[in-house]
Amino acid sequence: MPTSVPAGRLRYVYAVCRPLDAPPPAGRTGVAGAPPRQLEHHGLVAVVADAPERDFTEAPLRAHLEDLDWLTATATATARAHQTVAERTAREDAWQRALISSVNEQVASPWPELM
């Protein structure tokens, strides 16, 4: 399981929960079509996926807020993908979902694998 974010990508966080009994099924996708996966740390799991910097860093997000076509298509698809992954995770174990999505750049963190 990779612990670093590939260049040009960010880490999208869906939920933090107890370790799940099994990894997400193959073929499941989330935000931007990326497959969710688990990152374990000190007895907890973050359900995460990579997300493209071109859409999810501060400057592009600000620009996208002025683009109604992008908001209609991408923001709606992102919200639906987030909800689908979060709901499937909730069915598998007790959890705490990220109600507002979190997209993180690689920075120092108490949970280094998450960043």
PDB file of N, CA and C in Angstrom:
ATOM      1  N   MET A   1       0.848  -1.172   0.000  1.00  0.00           N
ATOM      2  CA  MET A   1       0.000   0.000   0.000  1.00  0.00           C
ATOM      3  C   MET A   1       0.895   1.237   0.000  1.00  0.00           C
ATOM      4  N   PRO A   2       0.743   2.126  -0.985  1.00  0.00           N
ATOM      5  CA  PRO A   2       1.606   3.310  -1.048  1.00  0.00           C
ATOM      6  C   PRO A   2       1.315   4.257   0.110  1.00  0.00           C
ATOM      7  N   THR A   3       2.375   4.885   0.606  1.00  0.00           N
ATOM      8  CA  THR A   3       2.191   5.834   1.697  1.00  0.00           C
ATOM      9  C   THR A   3       2.449   7.259   1.269  1.00  0.00           C
ATOM     10  N   SER A   4       2.951   7.466   0.071  1.00  0.00           N
ATOM     11  CA  SER A   4       3.179   8.832  -0.388  1.00  0.00           C
ATOM     12  C   SER A   4       2.219   9.148  -1.535  1.00  0.00           C
ATOM     13  N   VAL A   5       1.979  10.424  -1.715  1.00  0.00           N
ATOM     14  CA  VAL A   5       1.082  10.871  -2.772  1.00  0.00           C
ATOM     15  C   VAL A   5       1.905  11.101  -4.030  1.00  0.00           C
ATOM     16  N   PRO A   6       1.487  10.535  -5.173  1.00  0.00           N
ATOM     17  CA  PRO A   6       2.237  10.761  -6.413  1.00  0.00           C
ATOM     18  C   PRO A   6       2.271  12.243  -6.780  1.00  0.00           C
ATOM     19  N   ALA A   7       3.287  12.646  -7.520  1.00  0.00           N
ATOM     20  CA  ALA A   7       3.396  14.037  -7.968  1.00  0.00           C
ATOM     21  C   ALA A   7       2.138  14.421  -8.733  1.00  0.00           C
ATOM     22  N   GLY A   8       1.665  15.632  -8.493  1.00  0.00           N
ATOM     23  CA  GLY A   8       0.474  16.122  -9.179  1.00  0.00           C
ATOM     24  C   GLY A   8      -0.834  15.655  -8.564  1.00  0.00           C
ATOM     25  N   ARG A   9      -0.750  14.940  -7.449  1.00  0.00           N
ATOM     26  CA  ARG A   9      -1.936  14.396  -6.806  1.00  0.00           C
ATOM     27  C   ARG A   9      -1.993  14.852  -5.351  1.00  0.00           C
ATOM     28  N   LEU A  10      -3.176  14.845  -4.793  1.00  0.00           N
ATOM     29  CA  LEU A  10      -3.413  15.127  -3.379  1.00  0.00           C
ATOM     30  C   LEU A  10      -4.074  13.910  -2.759  1.00  0.00           C
ATOM     31  N   ARG A  11      -4.187  13.897  -1.457  1.00  0.00           N
ATOM     32  CA  ARG A  11      -4.861  12.801  -0.771  1.00  0.00           C
ATOM     33  C   ARG A  11      -6.245  13.275  -0.356  1.00  0.00           C
ATOM     34  N   TYR A  12      -7.288  12.603  -0.826  1.00  0.00           N
ATOM     35  CA  TYR A  12      -8.678  12.907  -0.497  1.00  0.00           C
ATOM     36  C   TYR A  12      -9.100  11.974   0.636  1.00  0.00           C
ATOM     37  N   VAL A  13      -9.644  12.512   1.722  1.00  0.00           N
ATOM     38  CA  VAL A  13     -10.018  11.720   2.893  1.00  0.00           C
ATOM     39  C   VAL A  13     -11.538  11.590   2.951  1.00  0.00           C
ATOM     40  N   TYR A  14     -12.017  10.352   2.966  1.00  0.00           N
ATOM     41  CA  TYR A  14     -13.448  10.076   3.064  1.00  0.00           C
ATOM     42  C   TYR A  14     -13.895   9.868   4.508  1.00  0.00           C
ATOM     43  N   ALA A  15     -13.102   9.125   5.269  1.00  0.00           N
ATOM     44  CA  ALA A  15     -13.531   8.739   6.611  1.00  0.00           C
ATOM     45  C   ALA A  15     -12.337   8.288   7.425  1.00  0.00           C
ATOM     46  N   VAL A  16     -12.506   8.332   8.735  1.00  0.00           N
ATOM     47  CA  VAL A  16     -11.553   7.746   9.670  1.00  0.00           C
ATOM     48  C   VAL A  16     -12.365   6.779  10.522  1.00  0.00           C
ATOM     49  N   CYS A  17     -11.873   5.541  10.645  1.00  0.00           N
ATOM     50  CA  CYS A  17     -12.639   4.521  11.342  1.00  0.00           C
ATOM     51  C   CYS A  17     -11.703   3.482  11.953  1.00  0.00           C
ATOM     52  N   ARG A  18     -12.313   2.518  12.630  1.00  0.00           N
ATOM     53  CA  ARG A  18     -11.538   1.366  13.081  1.00  0.00           C
ATOM     54  C   ARG A  18     -11.140   0.563  11.847  1.00  0.00           C
ATOM     55  N   PRO A  19     -10.108  -0.260  11.946  1.00  0.00           N
ATOM     56  CA  PRO A  19      -9.718  -1.067  10.783  1.00  0.00           C
ATOM     57  C   PRO A  19     -10.900  -1.896  10.272  1.00  0.00           C
ATOM     58  N   LEU A  20     -11.059  -1.902   8.962  1.00  0.00           N
ATOM     59  CA  LEU A  20     -12.129  -2.660   8.339  1.00  0.00           C
ATOM     60  C   LEU A  20     -11.678  -4.103   8.159  1.00  0.00           C
ATOM     61  N   ASP A  21     -12.634  -5.009   8.103  1.00  0.00           N
ATOM     62  CA  ASP A  21     -12.302  -6.429   7.966  1.00  0.00           C
ATOM     63  C   ASP A  21     -11.648  -6.761   6.636  1.00  0.00           C
ATOM     64  N   ALA A  22     -11.973  -5.977   5.609  1.00  0.00           N
ATOM     65  CA  ALA A  22     -11.424  -6.245   4.275  1.00  0.00           C
ATOM     66  C   ALA A  22     -11.183  -4.915   3.568  1.00  0.00           C
ATOM     67  N   PRO A  23     -10.243  -4.894   2.632  1.00  0.00           N
ATOM     68  CA  PRO A  23     -10.032  -3.665   1.859  1.00  0.00           C
ATOM     69  C   PRO A  23     -11.247  -3.393   0.980  1.00  0.00           C
ATOM     70  N   PRO A  24     -11.387  -2.153   0.490  1.00  0.00           N
ATOM     71  CA  PRO A  24     -12.496  -1.865  -0.426  1.00  0.00           C
ATOM     72  C   PRO A  24     -12.437  -2.821  -1.620  1.00  0.00           C
ATOM     73  N   PRO A  25     -13.595  -3.292  -2.087  1.00  0.00           N
ATOM     74  CA  PRO A  25     -13.594  -4.221  -3.223  1.00  0.00           C
ATOM     75  C   PRO A  25     -12.937  -3.615  -4.461  1.00  0.00           C
ATOM     76  N   ALA A  26     -12.282  -4.456  -5.225  1.00  0.00           N
ATOM     77  CA  ALA A  26     -11.667  -4.004  -6.480  1.00  0.00           C
ATOM     78  C   ALA A  26     -12.740  -3.431  -7.392  1.00  0.00           C
ATOM     79  N   GLY A  27     -12.381  -2.405  -8.124  1.00  0.00           N
ATOM     80  CA  GLY A  27     -13.310  -1.795  -9.058  1.00  0.00           C
ATOM     81  C   GLY A  27     -14.133  -0.669  -8.466  1.00  0.00           C
ATOM     82  N   ARG A  28     -14.115  -0.506  -7.154  1.00  0.00           N
ATOM     83  CA  ARG A  28     -14.853   0.593  -6.527  1.00  0.00           C
ATOM     84  C   ARG A  28     -14.090   1.890  -6.786  1.00  0.00           C
ATOM     85  N   THR A  29     -14.785   2.923  -7.182  1.00  0.00           N
ATOM     86  CA  THR A  29     -14.131   4.206  -7.412  1.00  0.00           C
ATOM     87  C   THR A  29     -14.803   5.288  -6.581  1.00  0.00           C
ATOM     88  N   GLY A  30     -14.081   6.374  -6.414  1.00  0.00           N
ATOM     89  CA  GLY A  30     -14.589   7.504  -5.665  1.00  0.00           C
ATOM     90  C   GLY A  30     -14.339   8.786  -6.423  1.00  0.00           C
ATOM     91  N   VAL A  31     -13.890   9.800  -5.710  1.00  0.00           N
ATOM     92  CA  VAL A  31     -13.656  11.126  -6.286  1.00  0.00           C
ATOM     93  C   VAL A  31     -12.650  11.036  -7.427  1.00  0.00           C
ATOM     94  N   ALA A  32     -12.959  11.695  -8.534  1.00  0.00           N
ATOM     95  CA  ALA A  32     -12.105  11.746  -9.722  1.00  0.00           C
ATOM     96  C   ALA A  32     -11.781  10.354 -10.270  1.00  0.00           C
ATOM     97  N   GLY A  33     -12.628   9.368  -9.965  1.00  0.00           N
ATOM     98  CA  GLY A  33     -12.454   8.021 -10.480  1.00  0.00           C
ATOM     99  C   GLY A  33     -11.367   7.209  -9.810  1.00  0.00           C
ATOM    100  N   ALA A  34     -10.767   7.745  -8.748  1.00  0.00           N
ATOM    101  CA  ALA A  34      -9.680   7.041  -8.060  1.00  0.00           C
ATOM    102  C   ALA A  34     -10.243   6.009  -7.076  1.00  0.00           C
ATOM    103  N   PRO A  35      -9.597   4.851  -6.981  1.00  0.00           N
ATOM    104  CA  PRO A  35     -10.080   3.834  -6.051  1.00  0.00           C
ATOM    105  C   PRO A  35      -9.747   4.190  -4.600  1.00  0.00           C
ATOM    106  N   PRO A  36     -10.709   4.051  -3.684  1.00  0.00           N
ATOM    107  CA  PRO A  36     -10.410   4.288  -2.269  1.00  0.00           C
ATOM    108  C   PRO A  36      -9.549   3.158  -1.711  1.00  0.00           C
ATOM    109  N   ARG A  37      -8.766   3.487  -0.694  1.00  0.00           N
ATOM    110  CA  ARG A  37      -7.930   2.489  -0.024  1.00  0.00           C
ATOM    111  C   ARG A  37      -7.798   2.886   1.436  1.00  0.00           C
ATOM    112  N   GLN A  38      -7.211   1.994   2.211  1.00  0.00           N
ATOM    113  CA  GLN A  38      -7.061   2.236   3.635  1.00  0.00           C
ATOM    114  C   GLN A  38      -5.616   2.554   3.991  1.00  0.00           C
ATOM    115  N   LEU A  39      -5.433   3.520   4.868  1.00  0.00           N
ATOM    116  CA  LEU A  39      -4.121   3.802   5.456  1.00  0.00           C
ATOM    117  C   LEU A  39      -4.265   3.605   6.959  1.00  0.00           C
ATOM    118  N   GLU A  40      -3.510   2.671   7.507  1.00  0.00           N
ATOM    119  CA  GLU A  40      -3.602   2.371   8.932  1.00  0.00           C
ATOM    120  C   GLU A  40      -2.580   3.172   9.718  1.00  0.00           C
ATOM    121  N   HIS A  41      -2.983   3.573  10.937  1.00  0.00           N
ATOM    122  CA  HIS A  41      -2.078   4.307  11.817  1.00  0.00           C
ATOM    123  C   HIS A  41      -2.610   4.230  13.241  1.00  0.00           C
ATOM    124  N   HIS A  42      -1.819   3.660  14.127  1.00  0.00           N
ATOM    125  CA  HIS A  42      -2.155   3.588  15.552  1.00  0.00           C
ATOM    126  C   HIS A  42      -3.567   3.084  15.807  1.00  0.00           C
ATOM    127  N   GLY A  43      -3.958   1.997  15.153  1.00  0.00           N
ATOM    128  CA  GLY A  43      -5.235   1.370  15.414  1.00  0.00           C
ATOM    129  C   GLY A  43      -6.431   1.998  14.716  1.00  0.00           C
ATOM    130  N   LEU A  44      -6.206   3.002  13.889  1.00  0.00           N
ATOM    131  CA  LEU A  44      -7.282   3.603  13.108  1.00  0.00           C
ATOM    132  C   LEU A  44      -6.962   3.473  11.622  1.00  0.00           C
ATOM    133  N   VAL A  45      -7.965   3.661  10.801  1.00  0.00           N
ATOM    134  CA  VAL A  45      -7.798   3.618   9.358  1.00  0.00           C
ATOM    135  C   VAL A  45      -8.396   4.888   8.772  1.00  0.00           C
ATOM    136  N   ALA A  46      -7.680   5.493   7.842  1.00  0.00           N
ATOM    137  CA  ALA A  46      -8.242   6.570   7.035  1.00  0.00           C
ATOM    138  C   ALA A  46      -8.590   5.946   5.690  1.00  0.00           C
ATOM    139  N   VAL A  47      -9.813   6.160   5.245  1.00  0.00           N
ATOM    140  CA  VAL A  47     -10.218   5.721   3.907  1.00  0.00           C
ATOM    141  C   VAL A  47      -9.933   6.900   2.989  1.00  0.00           C
ATOM    142  N   VAL A  48      -9.012   6.707   2.046  1.00  0.00           N
ATOM    143  CA  VAL A  48      -8.487   7.799   1.227  1.00  0.00           C
ATOM    144  C   VAL A  48      -8.426   7.408  -0.244  1.00  0.00           C
ATOM    145  N   ALA A  49      -8.199   8.408  -1.082  1.00  0.00           N
ATOM    146  CA  ALA A  49      -7.906   8.189  -2.502  1.00  0.00           C
ATOM    147  C   ALA A  49      -7.075   9.379  -2.973  1.00  0.00           C
ATOM    148  N   ASP A  50      -6.369   9.200  -4.075  1.00  0.00           N
ATOM    149  CA  ASP A  50      -5.641  10.313  -4.658  1.00  0.00           C
ATOM    150  C   ASP A  50      -6.615  11.202  -5.419  1.00  0.00           C
ATOM    151  N   ALA A  51      -6.356  12.500  -5.424  1.00  0.00           N
ATOM    152  CA  ALA A  51      -7.178  13.467  -6.153  1.00  0.00           C
ATOM    153  C   ALA A  51      -6.243  14.385  -6.937  1.00  0.00           C
ATOM    154  N   PRO A  52      -6.662  14.850  -8.103  1.00  0.00           N
ATOM    155  CA  PRO A  52      -5.776  15.673  -8.941  1.00  0.00           C
ATOM    156  C   PRO A  52      -5.610  17.093  -8.400  1.00  0.00           C
ATOM    157  N   GLU A  53      -4.358  17.541  -8.328  1.00  0.00           N
ATOM    158  CA  GLU A  53      -4.076  18.920  -7.918  1.00  0.00           C
ATOM    159  C   GLU A  53      -4.764  19.923  -8.826  1.00  0.00           C
ATOM    160  N   ARG A  54      -4.876  19.610 -10.111  1.00  0.00           N
ATOM    161  CA  ARG A  54      -5.432  20.564 -11.077  1.00  0.00           C
ATOM    162  C   ARG A  54      -6.846  20.996 -10.721  1.00  0.00           C
ATOM    163  N   ASP A  55      -7.555  20.204  -9.913  1.00  0.00           N
ATOM    164  CA  ASP A  55      -8.917  20.557  -9.520  1.00  0.00           C
ATOM    165  C   ASP A  55      -9.079  20.885  -8.042  1.00  0.00           C
ATOM    166  N   PHE A  56      -8.185  20.393  -7.186  1.00  0.00           N
ATOM    167  CA  PHE A  56      -8.451  20.443  -5.752  1.00  0.00           C
ATOM    168  C   PHE A  56      -7.501  21.290  -4.908  1.00  0.00           C
ATOM    169  N   THR A  57      -6.554  21.993  -5.507  1.00  0.00           N
ATOM    170  CA  THR A  57      -5.767  22.932  -4.708  1.00  0.00           C
ATOM    171  C   THR A  57      -6.529  24.253  -4.634  1.00  0.00           C
ATOM    172  N   GLU A  58      -6.066  25.153  -3.797  1.00  0.00           N
ATOM    173  CA  GLU A  58      -6.815  26.382  -3.524  1.00  0.00           C
ATOM    174  C   GLU A  58      -7.082  27.234  -4.772  1.00  0.00           C
ATOM    175  N   ALA A  59      -6.057  27.486  -5.576  1.00  0.00           N
ATOM    176  CA  ALA A  59      -6.236  28.363  -6.744  1.00  0.00           C
ATOM    177  C   ALA A  59      -7.240  27.790  -7.748  1.00  0.00           C
ATOM    178  N   PRO A  60      -7.110  26.514  -8.145  1.00  0.00           N
ATOM    179  CA  PRO A  60      -8.108  25.971  -9.070  1.00  0.00           C
ATOM    180  C   PRO A  60      -9.518  25.951  -8.468  1.00  0.00           C
ATOM    181  N   LEU A  61      -9.623  25.635  -7.194  1.00  0.00           N
ATOM    182  CA  LEU A  61     -10.958  25.632  -6.579  1.00  0.00           C
ATOM    183  C   LEU A  61     -11.591  27.014  -6.624  1.00  0.00           C
ATOM    184  N   ARG A  62     -10.807  28.039  -6.339  1.00  0.00           N
ATOM    185  CA  ARG A  62     -11.335  29.410  -6.411  1.00  0.00           C
ATOM    186  C   ARG A  62     -11.817  29.726  -7.841  1.00  0.00           C
ATOM    187  N   ALA A  63     -11.021  29.354  -8.825  1.00  0.00           N
ATOM    188  CA  ALA A  63     -11.404  29.602 -10.219  1.00  0.00           C
ATOM    189  C   ALA A  63     -12.656  28.803 -10.588  1.00  0.00           C
ATOM    190  N   HIS A  64     -12.718  27.559 -10.114  1.00  0.00           N
ATOM    191  CA  HIS A  64     -13.870  26.712 -10.421  1.00  0.00           C
ATOM    192  C   HIS A  64     -15.165  27.257  -9.821  1.00  0.00           C
ATOM    193  N   LEU A  65     -15.074  27.974  -8.713  1.00  0.00           N
ATOM    194  CA  LEU A  65     -16.283  28.516  -8.089  1.00  0.00           C
ATOM    195  C   LEU A  65     -16.983  29.533  -8.986  1.00  0.00           C
ATOM    196  N   GLU A  66     -16.247  30.090  -9.944  1.00  0.00           N
ATOM    197  CA  GLU A  66     -16.826  31.039 -10.902  1.00  0.00           C
ATOM    198  C   GLU A  66     -17.333  30.345 -12.167  1.00  0.00           C
ATOM    199  N   ASP A  67     -17.038  29.066 -12.313  1.00  0.00           N
ATOM    200  CA  ASP A  67     -17.371  28.314 -13.519  1.00  0.00           C
ATOM    201  C   ASP A  67     -18.585  27.426 -13.237  1.00  0.00           C
ATOM    202  N   LEU A  68     -19.759  27.888 -13.620  1.00  0.00           N
ATOM    203  CA  LEU A  68     -20.990  27.164 -13.311  1.00  0.00           C
ATOM    204  C   LEU A  68     -21.054  25.787 -13.968  1.00  0.00           C
ATOM    205  N   ASP A  69     -20.459  25.638 -15.155  1.00  0.00           N
ATOM    206  CA  ASP A  69     -20.446  24.321 -15.797  1.00  0.00           C
ATOM    207  C   ASP A  69     -19.625  23.331 -14.967  1.00  0.00           C
ATOM    208  N   TRP A  70     -18.454  23.770 -14.481  1.00  0.00           N
ATOM    209  CA  TRP A  70     -17.616  22.909 -13.641  1.00  0.00           C
ATOM    210  C   TRP A  70     -18.352  22.571 -12.352  1.00  0.00           C
ATOM    211  N   LEU A  71     -18.936  23.590 -11.726  1.00  0.00           N
ATOM    212  CA  LEU A  71     -19.657  23.344 -10.472  1.00  0.00           C
ATOM    213  C   LEU A  71     -20.776  22.329 -10.669  1.00  0.00           C
ATOM    214  N   THR A  72     -21.514  22.477 -11.735  1.00  0.00           N
ATOM    215  CA  THR A  72     -22.633  21.570 -11.984  1.00  0.00           C
ATOM    216  C   THR A  72     -22.149  20.145 -12.178  1.00  0.00           C
ATOM    217  N   ALA A  73     -21.132  19.970 -12.984  1.00  0.00           N
ATOM    218  CA  ALA A  73     -20.659  18.625 -13.305  1.00  0.00           C
ATOM    219  C   ALA A  73     -19.729  18.047 -12.244  1.00  0.00           C
ATOM    220  N   THR A  74     -18.626  18.714 -12.000  1.00  0.00           N
ATOM    221  CA  THR A  74     -17.584  18.150 -11.140  1.00  0.00           C
ATOM    222  C   THR A  74     -17.952  18.185  -9.665  1.00  0.00           C
ATOM    223  N   ALA A  75     -18.474  19.293  -9.181  1.00  0.00           N
ATOM    224  CA  ALA A  75     -18.817  19.371  -7.763  1.00  0.00           C
ATOM    225  C   ALA A  75     -19.910  18.367  -7.413  1.00  0.00           C
ATOM    226  N   THR A  76     -20.882  18.219  -8.288  1.00  0.00           N
ATOM    227  CA  THR A  76     -21.946  17.242  -8.046  1.00  0.00           C
ATOM    228  C   THR A  76     -21.393  15.821  -8.067  1.00  0.00           C
ATOM    229  N   ALA A  77     -20.561  15.512  -9.036  1.00  0.00           N
ATOM    230  CA  ALA A  77     -19.956  14.174  -9.112  1.00  0.00           C
ATOM    231  C   ALA A  77     -19.075  13.899  -7.898  1.00  0.00           C
ATOM    232  N   THR A  78     -18.332  14.911  -7.447  1.00  0.00           N
ATOM    233  CA  THR A  78     -17.475  14.758  -6.274  1.00  0.00           C
ATOM    234  C   THR A  78     -18.309  14.475  -5.032  1.00  0.00           C
ATOM    235  N   ALA A  79     -19.374  15.243  -4.834  1.00  0.00           N
ATOM    236  CA  ALA A  79     -20.231  15.038  -3.668  1.00  0.00           C
ATOM    237  C   ALA A  79     -20.864  13.647  -3.697  1.00  0.00           C
ATOM    238  N   ARG A  80     -21.320  13.208  -4.850  1.00  0.00           N
ATOM    239  CA  ARG A  80     -21.920  11.871  -4.962  1.00  0.00           C
ATOM    240  C   ARG A  80     -20.899  10.773  -4.707  1.00  0.00           C
ATOM    241  N   ALA A  81     -19.706  10.917  -5.263  1.00  0.00           N
ATOM    242  CA  ALA A  81     -18.659   9.915  -5.054  1.00  0.00           C
ATOM    243  C   ALA A  81     -18.269   9.849  -3.581  1.00  0.00           C
ATOM    244  N   HIS A  82     -18.127  11.015  -2.949  1.00  0.00           N
ATOM    245  CA  HIS A  82     -17.792  11.052  -1.521  1.00  0.00           C
ATOM    246  C   HIS A  82     -18.867  10.329  -0.717  1.00  0.00           C
ATOM    247  N   GLN A  83     -20.122  10.646  -0.968  1.00  0.00           N
ATOM    248  CA  GLN A  83     -21.218  10.050  -0.225  1.00  0.00           C
ATOM    249  C   GLN A  83     -21.283   8.540  -0.424  1.00  0.00           C
ATOM    250  N   THR A  84     -21.065   8.080  -1.653  1.00  0.00           N
ATOM    251  CA  THR A  84     -21.099   6.641  -1.936  1.00  0.00           C
ATOM    252  C   THR A  84     -20.024   5.893  -1.161  1.00  0.00           C
ATOM    253  N   VAL A  85     -18.785   6.398  -1.208  1.00  0.00           N
ATOM    254  CA  VAL A  85     -17.693   5.731  -0.484  1.00  0.00           C
ATOM    255  C   VAL A  85     -17.945   5.796   1.023  1.00  0.00           C
ATOM    256  N   ALA A  86     -18.372   6.954   1.521  1.00  0.00           N
ATOM    257  CA  ALA A  86     -18.629   7.097   2.955  1.00  0.00           C
ATOM    258  C   ALA A  86     -19.747   6.160   3.421  1.00  0.00           C
ATOM    259  N   GLU A  87     -20.815   6.046   2.650  1.00  0.00           N
ATOM    260  CA  GLU A  87     -21.911   5.155   3.028  1.00  0.00           C
ATOM    261  C   GLU A  87     -21.480   3.696   3.021  1.00  0.00           C
ATOM    262  N   ARG A  88     -20.706   3.301   2.022  1.00  0.00           N
ATOM    263  CA  ARG A  88     -20.226   1.911   1.970  1.00  0.00           C
ATOM    264  C   ARG A  88     -19.294   1.621   3.144  1.00  0.00           C
ATOM    265  N   THR A  89     -18.491   2.596   3.511  1.00  0.00           N
ATOM    266  CA  THR A  89     -17.607   2.428   4.663  1.00  0.00           C
ATOM    267  C   THR A  89     -18.437   2.283   5.931  1.00  0.00           C
ATOM    268  N   ALA A  90     -19.487   3.078   6.057  1.00  0.00           N
ATOM    269  CA  ALA A  90     -20.342   3.045   7.244  1.00  0.00           C
ATOM    270  C   ALA A  90     -20.990   1.679   7.414  1.00  0.00           C
ATOM    271  N   ARG A  91     -21.325   1.028   6.329  1.00  0.00           N
ATOM    272  CA  ARG A  91     -21.941  -0.293   6.408  1.00  0.00           C
ATOM    273  C   ARG A  91     -20.962  -1.346   6.909  1.00  0.00           C
ATOM    274  N   GLU A  92     -19.673  -1.095   6.716  1.00  0.00           N
ATOM    275  CA  GLU A  92     -18.671  -2.093   7.059  1.00  0.00           C
ATOM    276  C   GLU A  92     -18.197  -1.999   8.506  1.00  0.00           C
ATOM    277  N   ASP A  93     -18.307  -0.837   9.133  1.00  0.00           N
ATOM    278  CA  ASP A  93     -17.809  -0.706  10.507  1.00  0.00           C
ATOM    279  C   ASP A  93     -18.263   0.621  11.089  1.00  0.00           C
ATOM    280  N   ALA A  94     -18.084   0.745  12.402  1.00  0.00           N
ATOM    281  CA  ALA A  94     -18.321   2.039  13.042  1.00  0.00           C
ATOM    282  C   ALA A  94     -17.251   2.997  12.540  1.00  0.00           C
ATOM    283  N   TRP A  95     -17.604   4.237  12.324  1.00  0.00           N
ATOM    284  CA  TRP A  95     -16.679   5.151  11.667  1.00  0.00           C
ATOM    285  C   TRP A  95     -17.030   6.580  11.967  1.00  0.00           C
ATOM    286  N   GLN A  96     -16.186   7.444  11.554  1.00  0.00           N
ATOM    287  CA  GLN A  96     -16.442   8.877  11.598  1.00  0.00           C
ATOM    288  C   GLN A  96     -16.110   9.417  10.220  1.00  0.00           C
ATOM    289  N   ARG A  97     -17.140   9.705   9.443  1.00  0.00           N
ATOM    290  CA  ARG A  97     -16.874  10.179   8.086  1.00  0.00           C
ATOM    291  C   ARG A  97     -16.505  11.652   8.093  1.00  0.00           C
ATOM    292  N   ALA A  98     -15.830  12.042   7.057  1.00  0.00           N
ATOM    293  CA  ALA A  98     -15.497  13.447   6.871  1.00  0.00           C
ATOM    294  C   ALA A  98     -16.707  14.091   6.204  1.00  0.00           C
ATOM    295  N   LEU A  99     -17.527  14.802   6.968  1.00  0.00           N
ATOM    296  CA  LEU A  99     -18.742  15.384   6.414  1.00  0.00           C
ATOM    297  C   LEU A  99     -18.417  16.431   5.367  1.00  0.00           C
ATOM    298  N   ILE A 100     -17.365  17.166   5.592  1.00  0.00           N
ATOM    299  CA  ILE A 100     -16.851  18.080   4.586  1.00  0.00           C
ATOM    300  C   ILE A 100     -15.544  17.466   4.131  1.00  0.00           C
ATOM    301  N   SER A 101     -15.407  17.255   2.848  1.00  0.00           N
ATOM    302  CA  SER A 101     -14.236  16.551   2.348  1.00  0.00           C
ATOM    303  C   SER A 101     -12.949  17.251   2.744  1.00  0.00           C
ATOM    304  N   SER A 102     -11.903  16.473   2.804  1.00  0.00           N
ATOM    305  CA  SER A 102     -10.583  16.986   3.138  1.00  0.00           C
ATOM    306  C   SER A 102      -9.618  16.544   2.064  1.00  0.00           C
ATOM    307  N   VAL A 103      -8.947  17.495   1.447  1.00  0.00           N
ATOM    308  CA  VAL A 103      -7.936  17.189   0.445  1.00  0.00           C
ATOM    309  C   VAL A 103      -6.640  17.781   0.956  1.00  0.00           C
ATOM    310  N   ASN A 104      -5.604  16.957   1.046  1.00  0.00           N
ATOM    311  CA  ASN A 104      -4.380  17.377   1.713  1.00  0.00           C
ATOM    312  C   ASN A 104      -3.162  17.279   0.817  1.00  0.00           C
ATOM    313  N   GLU A 105      -2.306  18.297   0.936  1.00  0.00           N
ATOM    314  CA  GLU A 105      -1.004  18.236   0.293  1.00  0.00           C
ATOM    315  C   GLU A 105      -0.054  17.517   1.237  1.00  0.00           C
ATOM    316  N   GLN A 106       1.097  17.121   0.726  1.00  0.00           N
ATOM    317  CA  GLN A 106       2.085  16.477   1.580  1.00  0.00           C
ATOM    318  C   GLN A 106       2.707  17.525   2.488  1.00  0.00           C
ATOM    319  N   VAL A 107       2.385  17.468   3.764  1.00  0.00           N
ATOM    320  CA  VAL A 107       2.954  18.358   4.765  1.00  0.00           C
ATOM    321  C   VAL A 107       3.187  17.550   6.025  1.00  0.00           C
ATOM    322  N   ALA A 108       3.937  18.103   6.958  1.00  0.00           N
ATOM    323  CA  ALA A 108       4.188  17.407   8.210  1.00  0.00           C
ATOM    324  C   ALA A 108       2.857  17.163   8.918  1.00  0.00           C
ATOM    325  N   SER A 109       2.696  15.990   9.509  1.00  0.00           N
ATOM    326  CA  SER A 109       1.436  15.629  10.134  1.00  0.00           C
ATOM    327  C   SER A 109       1.673  14.602  11.226  1.00  0.00           C
ATOM    328  N   PRO A 110       0.808  14.573  12.238  1.00  0.00           N
ATOM    329  CA  PRO A 110       0.935  13.485  13.213  1.00  0.00           C
ATOM    330  C   PRO A 110       0.571  12.140  12.581  1.00  0.00           C
ATOM    331  N   TRP A 111      -0.076  12.156  11.430  1.00  0.00           N
ATOM    332  CA  TRP A 111      -0.404  10.947  10.693  1.00  0.00           C
ATOM    333  C   TRP A 111       0.272  11.066   9.340  1.00  0.00           C
ATOM    334  N   PRO A 112       1.577  10.791   9.263  1.00  0.00           N
ATOM    335  CA  PRO A 112       2.347  11.069   8.044  1.00  0.00           C
ATOM    336  C   PRO A 112       1.801  10.374   6.802  1.00  0.00           C
ATOM    337  N   GLU A 113       1.278   9.156   6.936  1.00  0.00           N
ATOM    338  CA  GLU A 113       0.768   8.446   5.773  1.00  0.00           C
ATOM    339  C   GLU A 113      -0.454   9.122   5.188  1.00  0.00           C
ATOM    340  N   LEU A 114      -1.200   9.870   6.003  1.00  0.00           N
ATOM    341  CA  LEU A 114      -2.396  10.549   5.525  1.00  0.00           C
ATOM    342  C   LEU A 114      -2.024  11.709   4.630  1.00  0.00           C
ATOM    343  N   MET A 115      -0.925  12.341   4.916  1.00  0.00           N
ATOM    344  CA  MET A 115      -0.488  13.473   4.107  1.00  0.00           C
ATOM    345  C   MET A 115       0.408  12.960   3.047  1.00  0.00           C
TER     346      MET A 115
END
